[in-house]
Amino acid sequence: MRRLIPTLLAALAMGCPDDNRLQLVPCVDPGELFDIENVSQLEDVEALVGGADAVVLDMTGAVPEDGGWRVTNIDVLVVAPEAEFQSLAGKKLGLVLWDAATPAEGQPMSLDGVLDPAQLAWETGTLSMKLPCDGDDACKAYDAAMTCLQGACGVKCEKSNECTQYGADFTCRTGGCAGTGGKRPPVTIRQAWWPFDFAKLVRAEGMASRRYVVGVRWIEGDRPLVGMSNYNRPCARNWTDRGDGKGWKQQSTEEDSNFCSWPMFRVHTEIITQRFTCEPEDGGS
């Protein structure tokens, strides 16, 4: 046996030309799914004309130290009042991904989509959303005040008669409309997850940062509406661009400030590791 050992070791070192079992190969497995519905629920809708809303997510702890990862798909929840559903076709929306800890870092990867309602699986429900207050004079005044707040007046609100109405009219938008029992009447809605395929944009080798940013931007006008979570999410991880030319703004720097509403996202990921074989250990599929 002593004489055979050097020969055997030499053979193992050289390997066989047609045997790849001793070579590391990249293996791809499903990664952690971020689903906003696991931590919050649909409460409202949002549409920032010319603007965008984004959240910072984290894969730290979900990726092996010697492994890689990447985002493959992002779903966004689109919402439409029943009365608007037939006019949804052709509406545009953009999703954006940053391989960085904030939207102020790195290069954004963007995908624009044109909505085809026939391609999505719609569910029907009700929602007390912040829609225009048609039919109520107080609520109409609120809408005028909001237009001012969003920049149409061109002055600070305390110097504008229209904008000083905001405080009183806000009670209408949040539950004070006459004849509603103190609550905004629920609206019948349709909602669906709209998938965007980022696998073709993100490097197959994986992303560099464990923290990443996912955002939605409105391309034309204020439709489609995007579902928004409860106001129970960390404000420090919420960045907003209101389309006013001032760029991205972090909602808070306090990590324990959990009073923000996030766009409703589902983010699919995959894990990339180097192994001798990508076959499951139990031989299953």
Protein backbone atom coordinates (compact mmCIF):
# COMPACT_ATOMS: atom_id res chain seq x y z
CA MET A 1 0.00 0.00 0.00
CA ARG A 2 2.83 2.42 0.75
CA ARG A 3 4.01 2.34 -2.85
CA LEU A 4 0.48 2.96 -4.18
CA ILE A 5 -0.23 6.07 -2.12
CA PRO A 6 2.09 8.49 -4.04
CA THR A 7 0.68 7.24 -7.30
CA LEU A 8 -2.88 7.65 -6.09
CA LEU A 9 -2.24 11.17 -4.81
CA ALA A 10 -0.67 12.18 -8.10
CA ALA A 11 -3.71 10.90 -9.97
CA LEU A 12 -6.07 12.83 -7.71
CA ALA A 13 -4.05 16.02 -8.12
CA MET A 14 -4.11 15.75 -11.91
CA GLY A 15 -7.78 14.79 -12.03
CA CYS A 16 -9.58 13.30 -14.94
CA PRO A 17 -10.22 15.49 -17.99
CA ASP A 18 -13.91 14.59 -18.13
CA ASP A 19 -14.64 14.70 -14.37
CA ASN A 20 -15.93 18.07 -13.04
CA ARG A 21 -17.05 16.87 -9.64
CA LEU A 22 -14.08 18.46 -7.93
CA GLN A 23 -14.66 21.88 -9.52
CA LEU A 24 -16.72 24.59 -7.86
CA VAL A 25 -19.69 25.75 -9.91
CA PRO A 26 -22.11 28.66 -9.31
CA CYS A 27 -25.45 27.45 -7.97
CA VAL A 28 -28.64 29.52 -7.81
CA ASP A 29 -31.36 28.97 -5.20
CA PRO A 30 -34.51 30.93 -4.32
CA GLY A 31 -33.71 33.68 -1.85
CA GLU A 32 -35.66 35.58 0.77
CA LEU A 33 -38.97 37.09 -0.36
CA PHE A 34 -39.81 40.54 0.96
CA ASP A 35 -43.60 40.75 1.09
CA ILE A 36 -45.06 43.96 2.54
CA GLU A 37 -48.19 42.03 3.47
CA ASN A 38 -46.13 40.06 6.01
CA VAL A 39 -45.52 43.24 8.01
CA SER A 40 -48.36 45.58 7.08
CA GLN A 41 -51.64 45.88 5.19
CA LEU A 42 -53.17 48.02 2.47
CA GLU A 43 -54.49 51.26 3.98
CA ASP A 44 -54.36 53.91 1.28
CA VAL A 45 -53.22 54.77 -2.25
CA GLU A 46 -50.62 57.14 -3.65
CA ALA A 47 -49.79 58.92 -6.88
CA LEU A 48 -47.04 61.57 -6.96
CA VAL A 49 -47.25 63.45 -10.24
CA GLY A 50 -43.72 63.48 -11.63
CA GLY A 51 -42.47 62.02 -8.37
CA ALA A 52 -41.38 58.74 -6.81
CA ASP A 53 -41.47 56.82 -3.53
CA ALA A 54 -38.88 54.29 -2.37
CA VAL A 55 -37.97 52.03 0.53
CA VAL A 56 -34.66 50.66 1.78
CA LEU A 57 -34.58 46.88 2.30
CA ASP A 58 -31.88 44.64 3.75
CA MET A 59 -30.55 41.18 2.90
CA THR A 60 -28.02 41.12 5.74
CA GLY A 61 -28.23 37.74 7.44
CA ALA A 62 -30.10 36.18 4.52
CA VAL A 63 -26.99 35.61 2.36
CA PRO A 64 -24.08 33.28 3.23
CA GLU A 65 -20.85 35.12 3.99
CA ASP A 66 -19.15 33.60 0.95
CA GLY A 67 -22.25 33.82 -1.25
CA GLY A 68 -23.89 36.36 -3.50
CA TRP A 69 -27.44 37.43 -4.19
CA ARG A 70 -29.56 39.53 -6.48
CA VAL A 71 -33.09 40.82 -7.03
CA THR A 72 -34.94 39.01 -9.81
CA ASN A 73 -38.50 40.34 -9.75
CA ILE A 74 -40.39 43.19 -8.12
CA ASP A 75 -44.19 43.27 -7.85
CA VAL A 76 -46.08 46.47 -7.09
CA LEU A 77 -49.72 46.60 -5.99
CA VAL A 78 -51.82 48.72 -8.33
CA VAL A 79 -55.24 49.87 -7.16
CA ALA A 80 -58.18 51.31 -9.08
CA PRO A 81 -61.59 52.49 -7.94
CA GLU A 82 -64.21 50.41 -9.72
CA ALA A 83 -65.39 53.51 -11.58
CA GLU A 84 -61.91 53.97 -13.10
CA PHE A 85 -61.08 50.37 -13.90
CA GLN A 86 -62.09 50.46 -17.55
CA SER A 87 -59.73 53.39 -18.20
CA LEU A 88 -56.61 51.70 -16.76
CA ALA A 89 -55.30 50.20 -20.00
CA GLY A 90 -52.22 51.97 -21.29
CA LYS A 91 -51.32 53.72 -18.03
CA LYS A 92 -47.57 53.81 -17.38
CA LEU A 93 -45.55 53.16 -14.24
CA GLY A 94 -41.85 52.78 -13.54
CA LEU A 95 -40.03 50.67 -10.98
CA VAL A 96 -36.47 51.44 -9.91
CA LEU A 97 -33.81 49.37 -8.13
CA TRP A 98 -30.59 50.63 -6.52
CA ASP A 99 -27.70 48.35 -5.56
CA ALA A 100 -26.97 50.76 -2.70
CA ALA A 101 -28.19 51.80 0.75
CA THR A 102 -29.96 54.97 -0.44
CA PRO A 103 -31.35 56.30 -3.73
CA ALA A 104 -28.67 58.98 -3.60
CA GLU A 105 -25.99 56.33 -4.15
CA GLY A 106 -25.19 54.13 -7.12
CA GLN A 107 -26.81 53.94 -10.53
CA PRO A 108 -30.55 53.22 -10.69
CA MET A 109 -31.81 50.27 -12.70
CA SER A 110 -35.18 51.24 -14.16
CA LEU A 111 -38.02 49.38 -15.83
CA ASP A 112 -41.05 51.14 -17.28
CA GLY A 113 -44.27 49.27 -17.83
CA VAL A 114 -47.48 49.87 -19.77
CA LEU A 115 -50.45 48.48 -17.91
CA ASP A 116 -52.50 45.75 -19.58
CA PRO A 117 -55.25 44.88 -17.08
CA ALA A 118 -56.03 41.64 -18.91
CA GLN A 119 -52.60 40.28 -17.94
CA LEU A 120 -53.09 40.70 -14.18
CA ALA A 121 -55.12 38.78 -11.59
CA TRP A 122 -57.50 41.31 -10.04
CA GLU A 123 -59.21 41.11 -6.68
CA THR A 124 -62.20 43.19 -5.59
CA GLY A 125 -62.46 44.90 -2.22
CA THR A 126 -63.25 48.16 -0.47
CA LEU A 127 -60.98 50.92 0.77
CA SER A 128 -61.48 54.30 2.44
CA MET A 129 -58.95 56.00 0.20
CA LYS A 130 -58.01 59.64 -0.16
CA LEU A 131 -59.79 60.35 -3.42
CA PRO A 132 -61.27 63.66 -4.63
CA CYS A 133 -64.26 64.56 -2.43
CA ASP A 134 -66.90 64.96 -5.13
CA GLY A 135 -70.32 66.01 -3.88
CA ASP A 136 -69.23 67.58 -0.59
CA ASP A 137 -68.46 71.30 -0.47
CA ALA A 138 -66.12 71.03 2.50
CA CYS A 139 -64.19 68.24 0.84
CA LYS A 140 -63.96 70.19 -2.41
CA ALA A 141 -62.39 73.02 -0.42
CA TYR A 142 -59.92 70.51 0.96
CA ASP A 143 -58.90 69.49 -2.53
CA ALA A 144 -58.27 73.12 -3.42
CA ALA A 145 -56.15 73.51 -0.30
CA MET A 146 -54.18 70.38 -1.13
CA THR A 147 -53.49 71.72 -4.60
CA CYS A 148 -52.01 74.76 -2.93
CA LEU A 149 -49.96 72.71 -0.50
CA GLN A 150 -48.51 70.75 -3.38
CA GLY A 151 -47.14 73.91 -4.95
CA ALA A 152 -49.80 75.46 -7.16
CA CYS A 153 -50.06 78.60 -5.02
CA GLY A 154 -46.36 79.27 -5.15
CA VAL A 155 -46.34 80.68 -1.60
CA LYS A 156 -46.14 79.33 1.90
CA CYS A 157 -49.48 78.13 3.19
CA GLU A 158 -49.71 80.51 6.14
CA LYS A 159 -49.73 83.40 3.62
CA SER A 160 -52.50 82.03 1.44
CA ASN A 161 -56.21 82.18 2.16
CA GLU A 162 -56.75 78.91 0.34
CA CYS A 163 -54.00 77.17 2.20
CA THR A 164 -55.16 78.36 5.63
CA GLN A 165 -58.29 76.28 5.02
CA TYR A 166 -56.15 73.17 5.03
CA GLY A 167 -56.34 72.54 8.77
CA ALA A 168 -60.14 72.52 8.90
CA ASP A 169 -60.59 70.73 5.60
CA PHE A 170 -58.11 68.01 6.56
CA THR A 171 -60.72 66.62 8.97
CA CYS A 172 -62.90 65.88 5.95
CA ARG A 173 -60.22 63.84 4.21
CA THR A 174 -59.44 61.88 7.35
CA GLY A 175 -62.92 61.16 8.62
CA GLY A 176 -65.01 64.28 9.18
CA CYS A 177 -67.21 64.40 6.09
CA ALA A 178 -70.86 65.18 6.82
CA GLY A 179 -73.19 62.21 6.67
CA THR A 180 -70.49 59.54 6.83
CA GLY A 181 -70.63 58.74 10.53
CA GLY A 182 -67.16 60.19 11.06
CA LYS A 183 -65.51 58.00 8.42
CA ARG A 184 -64.76 58.39 4.76
CA PRO A 185 -67.18 56.15 2.89
CA PRO A 186 -65.42 53.05 1.54
CA VAL A 187 -64.91 52.85 -2.20
CA THR A 188 -65.15 49.62 -4.19
CA ILE A 189 -61.74 48.92 -5.66
CA ARG A 190 -59.86 46.42 -7.75
CA GLN A 191 -56.27 45.57 -6.90
CA ALA A 192 -53.59 43.42 -8.53
CA TRP A 193 -49.88 42.70 -8.25
CA TRP A 194 -48.03 43.97 -11.31
CA PRO A 195 -44.73 42.06 -11.84
CA PHE A 196 -41.56 43.62 -13.25
CA ASP A 197 -38.72 41.32 -14.37
CA PHE A 198 -35.39 42.72 -13.14
CA ALA A 199 -33.40 39.54 -13.79
CA LYS A 200 -32.39 40.91 -17.19
CA LEU A 201 -30.98 44.11 -15.61
CA VAL A 202 -29.20 42.82 -12.52
CA ARG A 203 -25.77 41.21 -13.00
CA ALA A 204 -25.88 37.42 -12.97
CA GLU A 205 -22.87 37.50 -10.61
CA GLY A 206 -25.00 39.25 -8.02
CA MET A 207 -25.39 42.62 -6.32
CA ALA A 208 -22.64 44.31 -4.33
CA SER A 209 -24.58 45.77 -1.40
CA ARG A 210 -26.58 43.88 1.22
CA ARG A 211 -28.85 46.90 1.56
CA TYR A 212 -30.81 47.92 -1.50
CA VAL A 213 -33.57 50.32 -2.52
CA VAL A 214 -36.80 49.65 -4.39
CA GLY A 215 -38.87 52.53 -5.73
CA VAL A 216 -41.90 53.37 -7.85
CA ARG A 217 -42.19 56.45 -10.05
CA TRP A 218 -45.11 57.97 -11.89
CA ILE A 219 -44.39 58.61 -15.56
CA GLU A 220 -47.54 60.35 -16.76
CA GLY A 221 -50.03 62.10 -14.49
CA ASP A 222 -51.49 60.61 -11.30
CA ARG A 223 -52.51 57.17 -12.51
CA PRO A 224 -52.21 54.31 -11.90
CA LEU A 225 -52.67 54.47 -8.15
CA VAL A 226 -50.25 52.43 -6.06
CA GLY A 227 -51.33 50.72 -2.86
CA MET A 228 -49.79 52.04 0.37
CA SER A 229 -49.28 50.22 3.66
CA ASN A 230 -50.42 51.10 7.15
CA TYR A 231 -48.53 53.92 8.82
CA ASN A 232 -46.41 51.49 10.81
CA ARG A 233 -43.20 51.29 8.77
CA PRO A 234 -39.79 52.86 9.61
CA CYS A 235 -39.60 56.40 8.26
CA ALA A 236 -35.80 56.21 8.16
CA ARG A 237 -36.11 53.66 5.34
CA ASN A 238 -38.61 55.69 3.34
CA TRP A 239 -37.33 58.12 0.69
CA THR A 240 -39.62 60.34 -1.40
CA ASP A 241 -39.14 62.51 -4.47
CA ARG A 242 -42.20 64.74 -4.78
CA GLY A 243 -41.39 65.83 -8.31
CA ASP A 244 -40.71 69.40 -7.19
CA GLY A 245 -37.10 69.46 -8.37
CA LYS A 246 -35.71 69.02 -4.85
CA GLY A 247 -34.84 65.36 -5.37
CA TRP A 248 -34.92 62.55 -2.85
CA LYS A 249 -35.73 63.26 0.79
CA GLN A 250 -35.42 60.81 3.66
CA GLN A 251 -38.57 60.91 5.77
CA SER A 252 -36.67 60.59 9.05
CA THR A 253 -33.22 59.79 10.37
CA GLU A 254 -34.65 58.14 13.49
CA GLU A 255 -34.59 54.36 13.10
CA ASP A 256 -37.42 53.89 15.62
CA SER A 257 -39.78 56.34 13.90
CA ASN A 258 -42.34 53.81 12.64
CA PHE A 259 -45.03 56.16 11.38
CA CYS A 260 -44.61 56.01 7.62
CA SER A 261 -46.59 54.33 4.89
CA TRP A 262 -44.65 52.36 2.29
CA PRO A 263 -45.55 51.48 -1.28
CA MET A 264 -46.83 47.91 -1.43
CA PHE A 265 -43.99 45.83 -2.87
CA ARG A 266 -43.07 42.17 -3.13
CA VAL A 267 -39.38 41.61 -3.92
CA HIS A 268 -38.12 38.23 -5.16
CA THR A 269 -34.45 37.35 -4.76
CA GLU A 270 -32.06 34.50 -5.45
CA ILE A 271 -28.93 33.30 -3.64
CA ILE A 272 -25.73 32.49 -5.55
CA THR A 273 -23.20 30.12 -3.99
CA GLN A 274 -20.17 28.17 -5.22
CA ARG A 275 -20.54 24.42 -4.68
CA PHE A 276 -19.18 21.16 -6.06
CA THR A 277 -22.66 20.23 -7.23
CA CYS A 278 -25.97 22.06 -7.51
CA GLU A 279 -27.97 18.89 -7.04
CA PRO A 280 -29.96 18.66 -3.78
CA GLU A 281 -28.25 16.52 -1.18
CA ASP A 282 -31.23 14.17 -0.99
CA GLY A 283 -31.24 13.72 -4.76
CA GLY A 284 -34.67 15.30 -5.09
CA SER A 285 -35.74 18.02 -7.49
